[in-house]
Amino acid sequence: MAEFFASGHAVDVVLAVLMLEFLWLALRQKRALEALLMLLPAALILLGLRAALTGAAWYWVAIPLTLAFPAHLADLARRMRR
């Protein structure tokens, strides 16, 4: 089990579930942009986690984590307009 997490495959499983959730939301509600804005910050954080677990260089951890913040703000702005 330790190898499963250390290799980043656990994050891959969660990303696959997140992708299925996106597809379900986009097809069911016909609002792909809303679903994307809602799930993008989580996907970016998971990519940063995967980079950290696999021993990638620091910037491969920092870049997706940094991009998650404006994505989260975009989602919040969209929700506040409603």
Protein backbone atom coordinates (compact mmCIF):
# COMPACT_ATOMS: atom_id res chain seq x y z
CA MET A 1 0.00 0.00 0.00
CA ALA A 2 2.90 2.35 0.70
CA GLU A 3 4.14 1.92 -2.87
CA PHE A 4 0.63 2.71 -4.18
CA PHE A 5 0.74 6.11 -2.48
CA ALA A 6 4.46 6.82 -3.05
CA SER A 7 4.11 6.20 -6.78
CA GLY A 8 1.28 8.73 -7.05
CA HIS A 9 -1.22 6.12 -8.25
CA ALA A 10 -3.57 6.94 -5.38
CA VAL A 11 -3.80 10.48 -6.71
CA ASP A 12 -4.38 9.11 -10.21
CA VAL A 13 -7.41 7.21 -8.90
CA VAL A 14 -8.81 10.33 -7.27
CA LEU A 15 -8.19 12.36 -10.46
CA ALA A 16 -10.05 9.71 -12.47
CA VAL A 17 -13.01 9.93 -10.09
CA LEU A 18 -12.88 13.73 -10.37
CA MET A 19 -12.95 13.42 -14.17
CA LEU A 20 -15.99 11.13 -13.97
CA GLU A 21 -17.68 13.65 -11.68
CA PHE A 22 -16.94 16.43 -14.18
CA LEU A 23 -18.41 14.39 -17.04
CA TRP A 24 -21.49 13.52 -15.00
CA LEU A 25 -22.07 17.14 -13.97
CA ALA A 26 -21.39 18.53 -17.44
CA LEU A 27 -23.68 16.07 -19.18
CA ARG A 28 -26.44 16.07 -16.58
CA GLN A 29 -26.68 19.81 -16.04
CA LYS A 30 -25.36 20.92 -19.43
CA ARG A 31 -23.11 23.43 -17.68
CA ALA A 32 -19.57 22.30 -18.46
CA LEU A 33 -17.98 25.65 -17.58
CA GLU A 34 -19.57 25.69 -14.12
CA ALA A 35 -18.48 22.11 -13.48
CA LEU A 36 -14.97 22.91 -14.67
CA LEU A 37 -14.65 25.98 -12.45
CA MET A 38 -15.96 24.00 -9.50
CA LEU A 39 -13.58 21.04 -9.90
CA LEU A 40 -10.46 22.69 -11.35
CA PRO A 41 -8.99 23.88 -8.03
CA ALA A 42 -9.24 20.36 -6.60
CA ALA A 43 -7.62 18.87 -9.69
CA LEU A 44 -4.74 21.35 -9.50
CA ILE A 45 -4.18 20.64 -5.80
CA LEU A 46 -4.16 16.92 -6.56
CA LEU A 47 -1.57 17.45 -9.30
CA GLY A 48 0.62 19.29 -6.78
CA LEU A 49 0.16 16.44 -4.33
CA ARG A 50 1.12 13.89 -6.97
CA ALA A 51 4.26 15.85 -7.78
CA ALA A 52 5.19 15.99 -4.10
CA LEU A 53 4.56 12.27 -3.57
CA THR A 54 6.70 11.28 -6.53
CA GLY A 55 9.62 13.51 -5.56
CA ALA A 56 9.31 15.99 -8.40
CA ALA A 57 11.18 19.28 -8.31
CA TRP A 58 9.71 21.95 -6.04
CA TYR A 59 8.34 24.01 -8.91
CA TRP A 60 6.18 21.10 -10.11
CA VAL A 61 4.56 21.20 -6.69
CA ALA A 62 4.33 25.00 -6.53
CA ILE A 63 2.92 25.68 -10.02
CA PRO A 64 -0.36 23.75 -9.71
CA LEU A 65 -0.84 24.91 -6.12
CA THR A 66 -0.36 28.51 -7.23
CA LEU A 67 -2.77 28.09 -10.14
CA ALA A 68 -5.39 26.56 -7.84
CA PHE A 69 -5.88 29.91 -6.06
CA PRO A 70 -7.02 31.99 -9.06
CA ALA A 71 -9.14 29.06 -10.22
CA HIS A 72 -10.80 29.01 -6.80
CA LEU A 73 -11.34 32.78 -6.95
CA ALA A 74 -12.94 32.44 -10.40
CA ASP A 75 -15.32 29.82 -9.03
CA LEU A 76 -16.17 32.04 -6.06
CA ALA A 77 -16.78 35.04 -8.33
CA ARG A 78 -19.11 32.94 -10.50
CA ARG A 79 -21.03 31.78 -7.44
CA MET A 80 -21.31 35.30 -6.00
CA ARG A 81 -22.89 36.56 -9.24
CA ARG A 82 -25.75 34.08 -8.89
